[in-house]
């Protein structure tokens, strides 16, 4: 085989690599099965137990959060699904304020200390925003209220930091998403006191965050192999397997996953 042929063969294997990836025994659903489950849910919609907010990730103008919120509305026929993005916010305090603002506007709360109770579906950085918004506000914070979460579903969230956050930058959000940053230490120190259920998801071969970083220490994410020809991190929010499992949980149906969550393959980053 010529060098060009070898290069093409290697490229093909890389692009199709997920076909050879291991199946998660605690999350063994295929994409086709998940799409079928989503279609069935659309035909038999069920309203939500509480409002849902969908939080976008880093540098996302809202494409992921709007798309995911639209899917959840179709599945539930419930309009209480609100997407929130953070493109113009420069730090986690501003992100926190934006979340509290949006929730208070959509679902006013008479409680001076907390918002109404909600479920959160968060893409990447959005999971950290949600966790931060549940903590007592800093001195001089714009909003005295804290986010009241029942369940927090995170998709590829850098709970332990993001691999690419180490790149040089002056961006405060990126700096705070570095492994063992003061911000992440603060979040993780308060996690044992959290009053919400945290349910993390990820796809293998995530080169931006790293699959091993997508759940807090001591917790294993629900993982699935990546799909062919897709960046594992950027399109995880639209993976039918992840969306279907979250949707089933929001509806109160049995999820596609089964406890205990299987460990991540030892070969993943």
C-alpha atoms as a PDB file:
ATOM      1  CA  UNK A   1       0.000   0.000   0.000  1.00  0.00           C
ATOM      2  CA  UNK A   2       1.290   3.443  -0.876  1.00  0.00           C
ATOM      3  CA  UNK A   3       1.836   6.088   1.791  1.00  0.00           C
ATOM      4  CA  UNK A   4      -1.196   7.959   0.486  1.00  0.00           C
ATOM      5  CA  UNK A   5      -3.257   4.791   0.730  1.00  0.00           C
ATOM      6  CA  UNK A   6      -2.046   4.185   4.257  1.00  0.00           C
ATOM      7  CA  UNK A   7      -2.919   7.751   5.243  1.00  0.00           C
ATOM      8  CA  UNK A   8      -6.408   7.416   3.790  1.00  0.00           C
ATOM      9  CA  UNK A   9      -6.914   4.110   5.561  1.00  0.00           C
ATOM     10  CA  UNK A  10      -5.829   5.565   8.890  1.00  0.00           C
ATOM     11  CA  UNK A  11      -8.086   8.591   8.407  1.00  0.00           C
ATOM     12  CA  UNK A  12     -11.042   6.342   7.621  1.00  0.00           C
ATOM     13  CA  UNK A  13     -10.409   4.254  10.710  1.00  0.00           C
ATOM     14  CA  UNK A  14     -10.258   7.377  12.864  1.00  0.00           C
ATOM     15  CA  UNK A  15     -13.492   8.766  11.456  1.00  0.00           C
ATOM     16  CA  UNK A  16     -15.261   5.439  11.852  1.00  0.00           C
ATOM     17  CA  UNK A  17     -13.604   4.682  15.142  1.00  0.00           C
ATOM     18  CA  UNK A  18     -16.773   4.698  17.154  1.00  0.00           C
ATOM     19  CA  UNK A  19     -17.860   1.493  15.379  1.00  0.00           C
ATOM     20  CA  UNK A  20     -15.103  -0.285  17.273  1.00  0.00           C
ATOM     21  CA  UNK A  21     -15.757   1.461  20.584  1.00  0.00           C
ATOM     22  CA  UNK A  22     -17.014  -0.572  23.534  1.00  0.00           C
ATOM     23  CA  UNK A  23     -20.699  -0.667  24.389  1.00  0.00           C
ATOM     24  CA  UNK A  24     -21.676   0.644  27.780  1.00  0.00           C
ATOM     25  CA  UNK A  25     -23.403  -2.277  29.575  1.00  0.00           C
ATOM     26  CA  UNK A  26     -25.315   0.176  31.748  1.00  0.00           C
ATOM     27  CA  UNK A  27     -26.329   2.304  28.729  1.00  0.00           C
ATOM     28  CA  UNK A  28     -26.501  -0.211  25.845  1.00  0.00           C
ATOM     29  CA  UNK A  29     -29.049   1.608  23.665  1.00  0.00           C
ATOM     30  CA  UNK A  30     -28.256   2.225  19.991  1.00  0.00           C
ATOM     31  CA  UNK A  31     -28.852   5.507  18.176  1.00  0.00           C
ATOM     32  CA  UNK A  32     -31.697   3.897  16.229  1.00  0.00           C
ATOM     33  CA  UNK A  33     -33.353   2.615  19.407  1.00  0.00           C
ATOM     34  CA  UNK A  34     -33.013   6.032  21.009  1.00  0.00           C
ATOM     35  CA  UNK A  35     -34.529   7.768  17.979  1.00  0.00           C
ATOM     36  CA  UNK A  36     -37.433   5.327  18.126  1.00  0.00           C
ATOM     37  CA  UNK A  37     -37.950   6.131  21.800  1.00  0.00           C
ATOM     38  CA  UNK A  38     -37.937   9.871  21.028  1.00  0.00           C
ATOM     39  CA  UNK A  39     -40.510   9.380  18.256  1.00  0.00           C
ATOM     40  CA  UNK A  40     -42.740   7.423  20.636  1.00  0.00           C
ATOM     41  CA  UNK A  41     -42.488  10.176  23.248  1.00  0.00           C
ATOM     42  CA  UNK A  42     -43.494  12.784  20.677  1.00  0.00           C
ATOM     43  CA  UNK A  43     -46.627  10.724  19.917  1.00  0.00           C
ATOM     44  CA  UNK A  44     -47.454  10.360  23.607  1.00  0.00           C
ATOM     45  CA  UNK A  45     -46.438  13.697  25.164  1.00  0.00           C
ATOM     46  CA  UNK A  46     -46.467  14.100  28.914  1.00  0.00           C
ATOM     47  CA  UNK A  47     -46.276  17.411  30.779  1.00  0.00           C
ATOM     48  CA  UNK A  48     -43.365  18.263  33.025  1.00  0.00           C
ATOM     49  CA  UNK A  49     -43.358  18.016  36.804  1.00  0.00           C
ATOM     50  CA  UNK A  50     -41.708  21.435  36.996  1.00  0.00           C
ATOM     51  CA  UNK A  51     -40.180  24.013  34.648  1.00  0.00           C
ATOM     52  CA  UNK A  52     -36.962  23.114  32.815  1.00  0.00           C
ATOM     53  CA  UNK A  53     -34.155  25.462  31.852  1.00  0.00           C
ATOM     54  CA  UNK A  54     -31.600  24.481  29.220  1.00  0.00           C
ATOM     55  CA  UNK A  55     -28.209  26.123  29.725  1.00  0.00           C
ATOM     56  CA  UNK A  56     -25.754  26.654  26.864  1.00  0.00           C
ATOM     57  CA  UNK A  57     -22.005  26.119  26.906  1.00  0.00           C
ATOM     58  CA  UNK A  58     -18.895  28.239  26.444  1.00  0.00           C
ATOM     59  CA  UNK A  59     -18.982  30.590  23.421  1.00  0.00           C
ATOM     60  CA  UNK A  60     -22.333  29.153  22.299  1.00  0.00           C
ATOM     61  CA  UNK A  61     -24.724  31.926  21.187  1.00  0.00           C
ATOM     62  CA  UNK A  62     -27.588  29.621  22.070  1.00  0.00           C
ATOM     63  CA  UNK A  63     -27.667  27.160  19.187  1.00  0.00           C
ATOM     64  CA  UNK A  64     -27.350  24.100  21.428  1.00  0.00           C
ATOM     65  CA  UNK A  65     -29.674  25.296  24.173  1.00  0.00           C
ATOM     66  CA  UNK A  66     -32.405  26.392  21.750  1.00  0.00           C
ATOM     67  CA  UNK A  67     -32.195  23.157  19.765  1.00  0.00           C
ATOM     68  CA  UNK A  68     -32.369  21.001  22.877  1.00  0.00           C
ATOM     69  CA  UNK A  69     -35.179  23.058  24.392  1.00  0.00           C
ATOM     70  CA  UNK A  70     -37.155  22.692  21.166  1.00  0.00           C
ATOM     71  CA  UNK A  71     -36.783  18.910  21.301  1.00  0.00           C
ATOM     72  CA  UNK A  72     -37.940  18.776  24.911  1.00  0.00           C
ATOM     73  CA  UNK A  73     -40.991  20.928  24.142  1.00  0.00           C
ATOM     74  CA  UNK A  74     -42.005  18.557  21.343  1.00  0.00           C
ATOM     75  CA  UNK A  75     -41.645  15.563  23.635  1.00  0.00           C
ATOM     76  CA  UNK A  76     -43.612  17.081  26.512  1.00  0.00           C
ATOM     77  CA  UNK A  77     -45.919  19.574  24.746  1.00  0.00           C
ATOM     78  CA  UNK A  78     -45.047  21.759  27.719  1.00  0.00           C
ATOM     79  CA  UNK A  79     -43.984  25.371  27.105  1.00  0.00           C
ATOM     80  CA  UNK A  80     -42.143  25.633  30.432  1.00  0.00           C
ATOM     81  CA  UNK A  81     -38.781  24.897  28.783  1.00  0.00           C
ATOM     82  CA  UNK A  82     -36.510  27.959  28.647  1.00  0.00           C
ATOM     83  CA  UNK A  83     -33.100  28.096  26.866  1.00  0.00           C
ATOM     84  CA  UNK A  84     -30.430  30.421  28.292  1.00  0.00           C
ATOM     85  CA  UNK A  85     -27.076  31.309  26.691  1.00  0.00           C
ATOM     86  CA  UNK A  86     -24.032  33.168  28.010  1.00  0.00           C
ATOM     87  CA  UNK A  87     -22.172  34.463  24.959  1.00  0.00           C
ATOM     88  CA  UNK A  88     -21.849  38.032  26.278  1.00  0.00           C
ATOM     89  CA  UNK A  89     -21.140  37.107  29.902  1.00  0.00           C
ATOM     90  CA  UNK A  90     -17.513  37.450  30.963  1.00  0.00           C
ATOM     91  CA  UNK A  91     -17.456  35.525  34.246  1.00  0.00           C
ATOM     92  CA  UNK A  92     -19.479  33.067  36.283  1.00  0.00           C
ATOM     93  CA  UNK A  93     -21.025  35.808  38.431  1.00  0.00           C
ATOM     94  CA  UNK A  94     -22.531  37.370  35.309  1.00  0.00           C
ATOM     95  CA  UNK A  95     -23.709  33.946  34.128  1.00  0.00           C
ATOM     96  CA  UNK A  96     -25.307  33.342  37.519  1.00  0.00           C
ATOM     97  CA  UNK A  97     -27.114  36.700  37.379  1.00  0.00           C
ATOM     98  CA  UNK A  98     -28.404  35.946  33.897  1.00  0.00           C
ATOM     99  CA  UNK A  99     -29.866  32.608  34.992  1.00  0.00           C
ATOM    100  CA  UNK A 100     -31.599  34.085  38.034  1.00  0.00           C
ATOM    101  CA  UNK A 101     -32.916  36.998  35.924  1.00  0.00           C
ATOM    102  CA  UNK A 102     -34.376  34.724  33.259  1.00  0.00           C
ATOM    103  CA  UNK A 103     -35.990  32.310  35.706  1.00  0.00           C
ATOM    104  CA  UNK A 104     -37.455  35.081  37.831  1.00  0.00           C
ATOM    105  CA  UNK A 105     -38.911  36.708  34.722  1.00  0.00           C
ATOM    106  CA  UNK A 106     -40.421  33.482  33.393  1.00  0.00           C
ATOM    107  CA  UNK A 107     -41.444  31.908  36.705  1.00  0.00           C
ATOM    108  CA  UNK A 108     -41.651  34.570  39.443  1.00  0.00           C
ATOM    109  CA  UNK A 109     -40.847  33.430  42.963  1.00  0.00           C
ATOM    110  CA  UNK A 110     -42.122  35.032  46.188  1.00  0.00           C
ATOM    111  CA  UNK A 111     -39.298  33.404  48.122  1.00  0.00           C
ATOM    112  CA  UNK A 112     -36.636  36.072  48.739  1.00  0.00           C
ATOM    113  CA  UNK A 113     -33.890  33.439  48.961  1.00  0.00           C
ATOM    114  CA  UNK A 114     -34.637  30.997  46.137  1.00  0.00           C
ATOM    115  CA  UNK A 115     -36.115  30.730  42.671  1.00  0.00           C
ATOM    116  CA  UNK A 116     -38.978  28.357  41.987  1.00  0.00           C
ATOM    117  CA  UNK A 117     -37.902  24.718  41.872  1.00  0.00           C
ATOM    118  CA  UNK A 118     -36.751  23.667  38.409  1.00  0.00           C
ATOM    119  CA  UNK A 119     -34.978  20.913  36.539  1.00  0.00           C
ATOM    120  CA  UNK A 120     -31.863  21.901  34.601  1.00  0.00           C
ATOM    121  CA  UNK A 121     -30.456  20.390  31.414  1.00  0.00           C
ATOM    122  CA  UNK A 122     -27.002  21.872  30.950  1.00  0.00           C
ATOM    123  CA  UNK A 123     -24.593  21.658  28.024  1.00  0.00           C
ATOM    124  CA  UNK A 124     -20.885  21.755  28.886  1.00  0.00           C
ATOM    125  CA  UNK A 125     -20.076  24.946  30.857  1.00  0.00           C
ATOM    126  CA  UNK A 126     -23.773  25.398  31.606  1.00  0.00           C
ATOM    127  CA  UNK A 127     -23.516  22.665  34.216  1.00  0.00           C
ATOM    128  CA  UNK A 128     -20.968  24.703  36.167  1.00  0.00           C
ATOM    129  CA  UNK A 129     -23.178  27.790  35.900  1.00  0.00           C
ATOM    130  CA  UNK A 130     -26.074  25.825  37.387  1.00  0.00           C
ATOM    131  CA  UNK A 131     -23.982  24.490  40.254  1.00  0.00           C
ATOM    132  CA  UNK A 132     -22.599  27.946  41.001  1.00  0.00           C
ATOM    133  CA  UNK A 133     -26.066  29.529  40.971  1.00  0.00           C
ATOM    134  CA  UNK A 134     -27.202  27.191  43.771  1.00  0.00           C
ATOM    135  CA  UNK A 135     -24.530  28.537  46.145  1.00  0.00           C
ATOM    136  CA  UNK A 136     -24.991  31.537  48.454  1.00  0.00           C
ATOM    137  CA  UNK A 137     -24.288  34.696  46.429  1.00  0.00           C
ATOM    138  CA  UNK A 138     -21.081  36.639  46.899  1.00  0.00           C
ATOM    139  CA  UNK A 139     -21.125  39.928  48.808  1.00  0.00           C
ATOM    140  CA  UNK A 140     -22.662  42.620  46.663  1.00  0.00           C
ATOM    141  CA  UNK A 141     -24.230  40.121  44.245  1.00  0.00           C
ATOM    142  CA  UNK A 142     -26.930  41.508  41.972  1.00  0.00           C
ATOM    143  CA  UNK A 143     -29.383  38.814  43.035  1.00  0.00           C
ATOM    144  CA  UNK A 144     -29.835  37.533  46.591  1.00  0.00           C
ATOM    145  CA  UNK A 145     -31.779  34.523  45.330  1.00  0.00           C
ATOM    146  CA  UNK A 146     -30.234  31.127  44.743  1.00  0.00           C
ATOM    147  CA  UNK A 147     -31.206  28.598  42.112  1.00  0.00           C
ATOM    148  CA  UNK A 148     -33.439  25.833  43.487  1.00  0.00           C
ATOM    149  CA  UNK A 149     -32.768  22.687  41.445  1.00  0.00           C
ATOM    150  CA  UNK A 150     -34.467  19.324  41.760  1.00  0.00           C
ATOM    151  CA  UNK A 151     -32.415  17.520  39.112  1.00  0.00           C
ATOM    152  CA  UNK A 152     -29.357  18.683  37.191  1.00  0.00           C
ATOM    153  CA  UNK A 153     -28.640  16.828  33.937  1.00  0.00           C
ATOM    154  CA  UNK A 154     -25.218  17.740  32.551  1.00  0.00           C
ATOM    155  CA  UNK A 155     -23.909  16.917  29.081  1.00  0.00           C
ATOM    156  CA  UNK A 156     -20.116  16.960  28.677  1.00  0.00           C
ATOM    157  CA  UNK A 157     -19.717  19.393  31.575  1.00  0.00           C
ATOM    158  CA  UNK A 158     -16.125  19.972  32.779  1.00  0.00           C
ATOM    159  CA  UNK A 159     -16.852  19.116  36.421  1.00  0.00           C
ATOM    160  CA  UNK A 160     -13.148  18.360  36.938  1.00  0.00           C
ATOM    161  CA  UNK A 161     -11.892  20.912  34.428  1.00  0.00           C
ATOM    162  CA  UNK A 162     -11.540  20.949  30.644  1.00  0.00           C
ATOM    163  CA  UNK A 163      -8.518  19.611  28.780  1.00  0.00           C
ATOM    164  CA  UNK A 164      -8.329  22.611  26.437  1.00  0.00           C
ATOM    165  CA  UNK A 165      -8.910  25.170  29.188  1.00  0.00           C
ATOM    166  CA  UNK A 166      -5.145  25.113  29.757  1.00  0.00           C
ATOM    167  CA  UNK A 167      -4.588  27.008  26.495  1.00  0.00           C
ATOM    168  CA  UNK A 168      -3.305  30.588  27.003  1.00  0.00           C
ATOM    169  CA  UNK A 169      -6.113  33.089  27.532  1.00  0.00           C
ATOM    170  CA  UNK A 170      -7.316  36.136  29.447  1.00  0.00           C
ATOM    171  CA  UNK A 171     -10.900  34.819  29.419  1.00  0.00           C
ATOM    172  CA  UNK A 172     -12.040  34.432  33.026  1.00  0.00           C
ATOM    173  CA  UNK A 173     -14.529  31.685  32.216  1.00  0.00           C
ATOM    174  CA  UNK A 174     -11.880  29.559  30.530  1.00  0.00           C
ATOM    175  CA  UNK A 175      -9.407  30.129  33.358  1.00  0.00           C
ATOM    176  CA  UNK A 176     -11.991  29.027  35.915  1.00  0.00           C
ATOM    177  CA  UNK A 177     -12.586  25.812  33.951  1.00  0.00           C
ATOM    178  CA  UNK A 178      -8.993  24.668  34.370  1.00  0.00           C
ATOM    179  CA  UNK A 179      -8.426  21.582  36.447  1.00  0.00           C
ATOM    180  CA  UNK A 180      -8.213  22.363  40.149  1.00  0.00           C
ATOM    181  CA  UNK A 181      -8.939  26.077  39.678  1.00  0.00           C
ATOM    182  CA  UNK A 182     -10.084  28.013  42.745  1.00  0.00           C
ATOM    183  CA  UNK A 183     -13.553  28.199  41.176  1.00  0.00           C
ATOM    184  CA  UNK A 184     -13.828  24.422  40.721  1.00  0.00           C
ATOM    185  CA  UNK A 185     -12.436  23.832  44.201  1.00  0.00           C
ATOM    186  CA  UNK A 186     -15.217  26.030  45.560  1.00  0.00           C
ATOM    187  CA  UNK A 187     -17.899  24.134  43.632  1.00  0.00           C
ATOM    188  CA  UNK A 188     -16.576  20.735  44.626  1.00  0.00           C
ATOM    189  CA  UNK A 189     -16.199  21.662  48.288  1.00  0.00           C
ATOM    190  CA  UNK A 190     -19.908  22.504  48.417  1.00  0.00           C
ATOM    191  CA  UNK A 191     -21.145  19.562  46.346  1.00  0.00           C
ATOM    192  CA  UNK A 192     -21.662  17.184  49.320  1.00  0.00           C
ATOM    193  CA  UNK A 193     -24.234  19.680  50.670  1.00  0.00           C
ATOM    194  CA  UNK A 194     -26.121  19.959  47.380  1.00  0.00           C
ATOM    195  CA  UNK A 195     -29.870  19.419  47.633  1.00  0.00           C
ATOM    196  CA  UNK A 196     -30.283  18.373  44.006  1.00  0.00           C
ATOM    197  CA  UNK A 197     -29.632  15.158  42.066  1.00  0.00           C
ATOM    198  CA  UNK A 198     -26.722  15.438  39.627  1.00  0.00           C
ATOM    199  CA  UNK A 199     -26.937  13.190  36.541  1.00  0.00           C
ATOM    200  CA  UNK A 200     -23.906  13.585  34.205  1.00  0.00           C
ATOM    201  CA  UNK A 201     -23.605  12.325  30.601  1.00  0.00           C
ATOM    202  CA  UNK A 202     -20.704  12.192  28.165  1.00  0.00           C
ATOM    203  CA  UNK A 203     -19.482  10.747  24.880  1.00  0.00           C
ATOM    204  CA  UNK A 204     -16.156   9.014  24.477  1.00  0.00           C
ATOM    205  CA  UNK A 205     -13.298  10.711  22.603  1.00  0.00           C
ATOM    206  CA  UNK A 206     -14.148  14.164  23.939  1.00  0.00           C
ATOM    207  CA  UNK A 207     -10.963  16.058  23.079  1.00  0.00           C
ATOM    208  CA  UNK A 208     -12.168  19.382  24.483  1.00  0.00           C
ATOM    209  CA  UNK A 209     -13.183  18.423  28.027  1.00  0.00           C
ATOM    210  CA  UNK A 210     -12.158  14.776  28.278  1.00  0.00           C
ATOM    211  CA  UNK A 211     -14.703  12.108  29.193  1.00  0.00           C
ATOM    212  CA  UNK A 212     -13.016  11.470  32.539  1.00  0.00           C
ATOM    213  CA  UNK A 213     -13.655  15.108  33.516  1.00  0.00           C
ATOM    214  CA  UNK A 214     -17.400  15.083  32.878  1.00  0.00           C
ATOM    215  CA  UNK A 215     -18.481  13.926  36.343  1.00  0.00           C
ATOM    216  CA  UNK A 216     -17.405  15.130  39.787  1.00  0.00           C
ATOM    217  CA  UNK A 217     -14.845  13.093  41.714  1.00  0.00           C
ATOM    218  CA  UNK A 218     -16.408   9.906  43.006  1.00  0.00           C
ATOM    219  CA  UNK A 219     -19.119   9.844  40.339  1.00  0.00           C
ATOM    220  CA  UNK A 220     -19.181   8.119  36.931  1.00  0.00           C
ATOM    221  CA  UNK A 221     -20.934   9.720  33.945  1.00  0.00           C
ATOM    222  CA  UNK A 222     -23.412   7.843  31.813  1.00  0.00           C
ATOM    223  CA  UNK A 223     -21.293   7.398  28.698  1.00  0.00           C
ATOM    224  CA  UNK A 224     -21.890   6.400  25.100  1.00  0.00           C
ATOM    225  CA  UNK A 225     -19.423   5.940  22.227  1.00  0.00           C
ATOM    226  CA  UNK A 226     -19.141   8.822  19.817  1.00  0.00           C
ATOM    227  CA  UNK A 227     -21.002   8.801  16.491  1.00  0.00           C
ATOM    228  CA  UNK A 228     -19.138   8.687  13.157  1.00  0.00           C
ATOM    229  CA  UNK A 229     -17.991  11.982  11.636  1.00  0.00           C
ATOM    230  CA  UNK A 230     -19.023  14.045  14.699  1.00  0.00           C
ATOM    231  CA  UNK A 231     -16.864  15.996  17.142  1.00  0.00           C
ATOM    232  CA  UNK A 232     -17.627  14.188  20.386  1.00  0.00           C
ATOM    233  CA  UNK A 233     -17.990  17.305  22.524  1.00  0.00           C
ATOM    234  CA  UNK A 234     -19.616  19.856  20.253  1.00  0.00           C
ATOM    235  CA  UNK A 235     -22.564  17.692  19.191  1.00  0.00           C
ATOM    236  CA  UNK A 236     -23.151  15.698  22.368  1.00  0.00           C
ATOM    237  CA  UNK A 237     -26.187  17.869  23.144  1.00  0.00           C
ATOM    238  CA  UNK A 238     -27.988  16.372  20.119  1.00  0.00           C
ATOM    239  CA  UNK A 239     -27.039  12.730  20.655  1.00  0.00           C
ATOM    240  CA  UNK A 240     -30.374  10.833  20.558  1.00  0.00           C
ATOM    241  CA  UNK A 241     -29.223   8.403  23.259  1.00  0.00           C
ATOM    242  CA  UNK A 242     -28.470  11.144  25.751  1.00  0.00           C
ATOM    243  CA  UNK A 243     -31.538  13.214  24.850  1.00  0.00           C
ATOM    244  CA  UNK A 244     -33.846  10.194  25.090  1.00  0.00           C
ATOM    245  CA  UNK A 245     -32.565   9.189  28.516  1.00  0.00           C
ATOM    246  CA  UNK A 246     -32.981  12.724  29.850  1.00  0.00           C
ATOM    247  CA  UNK A 247     -36.442  13.042  28.312  1.00  0.00           C
ATOM    248  CA  UNK A 248     -37.604   9.764  29.855  1.00  0.00           C
ATOM    249  CA  UNK A 249     -36.418  10.917  33.265  1.00  0.00           C
ATOM    250  CA  UNK A 250     -38.159  14.274  32.858  1.00  0.00           C
ATOM    251  CA  UNK A 251     -41.382  12.456  31.971  1.00  0.00           C
ATOM    252  CA  UNK A 252     -41.105  10.170  34.978  1.00  0.00           C
ATOM    253  CA  UNK A 253     -40.576   7.073  32.812  1.00  0.00           C
ATOM    254  CA  UNK A 254     -37.943   4.382  33.255  1.00  0.00           C
ATOM    255  CA  UNK A 255     -34.641   5.609  31.762  1.00  0.00           C
ATOM    256  CA  UNK A 256     -32.517   3.767  29.211  1.00  0.00           C
ATOM    257  CA  UNK A 257     -29.678   3.567  31.724  1.00  0.00           C
ATOM    258  CA  UNK A 258     -29.393   1.054  34.548  1.00  0.00           C
ATOM    259  CA  UNK A 259     -27.501   1.283  37.818  1.00  0.00           C
ATOM    260  CA  UNK A 260     -24.710   1.063  38.621  1.00  0.00           C
ATOM    261  CA  UNK A 261     -23.088   3.164  35.879  1.00  0.00           C
ATOM    262  CA  UNK A 262     -20.329   1.227  34.142  1.00  0.00           C
ATOM    263  CA  UNK A 263     -16.802   2.635  34.525  1.00  0.00           C
ATOM    264  CA  UNK A 264     -15.348   4.541  31.621  1.00  0.00           C
ATOM    265  CA  UNK A 265     -13.097   2.431  29.377  1.00  0.00           C
ATOM    266  CA  UNK A 266      -9.523   2.610  30.600  1.00  0.00           C
ATOM    267  CA  UNK A 267      -8.313   3.815  27.184  1.00  0.00           C
ATOM    268  CA  UNK A 268     -10.323   7.054  27.092  1.00  0.00           C
ATOM    269  CA  UNK A 269      -8.625  10.383  27.896  1.00  0.00           C
END
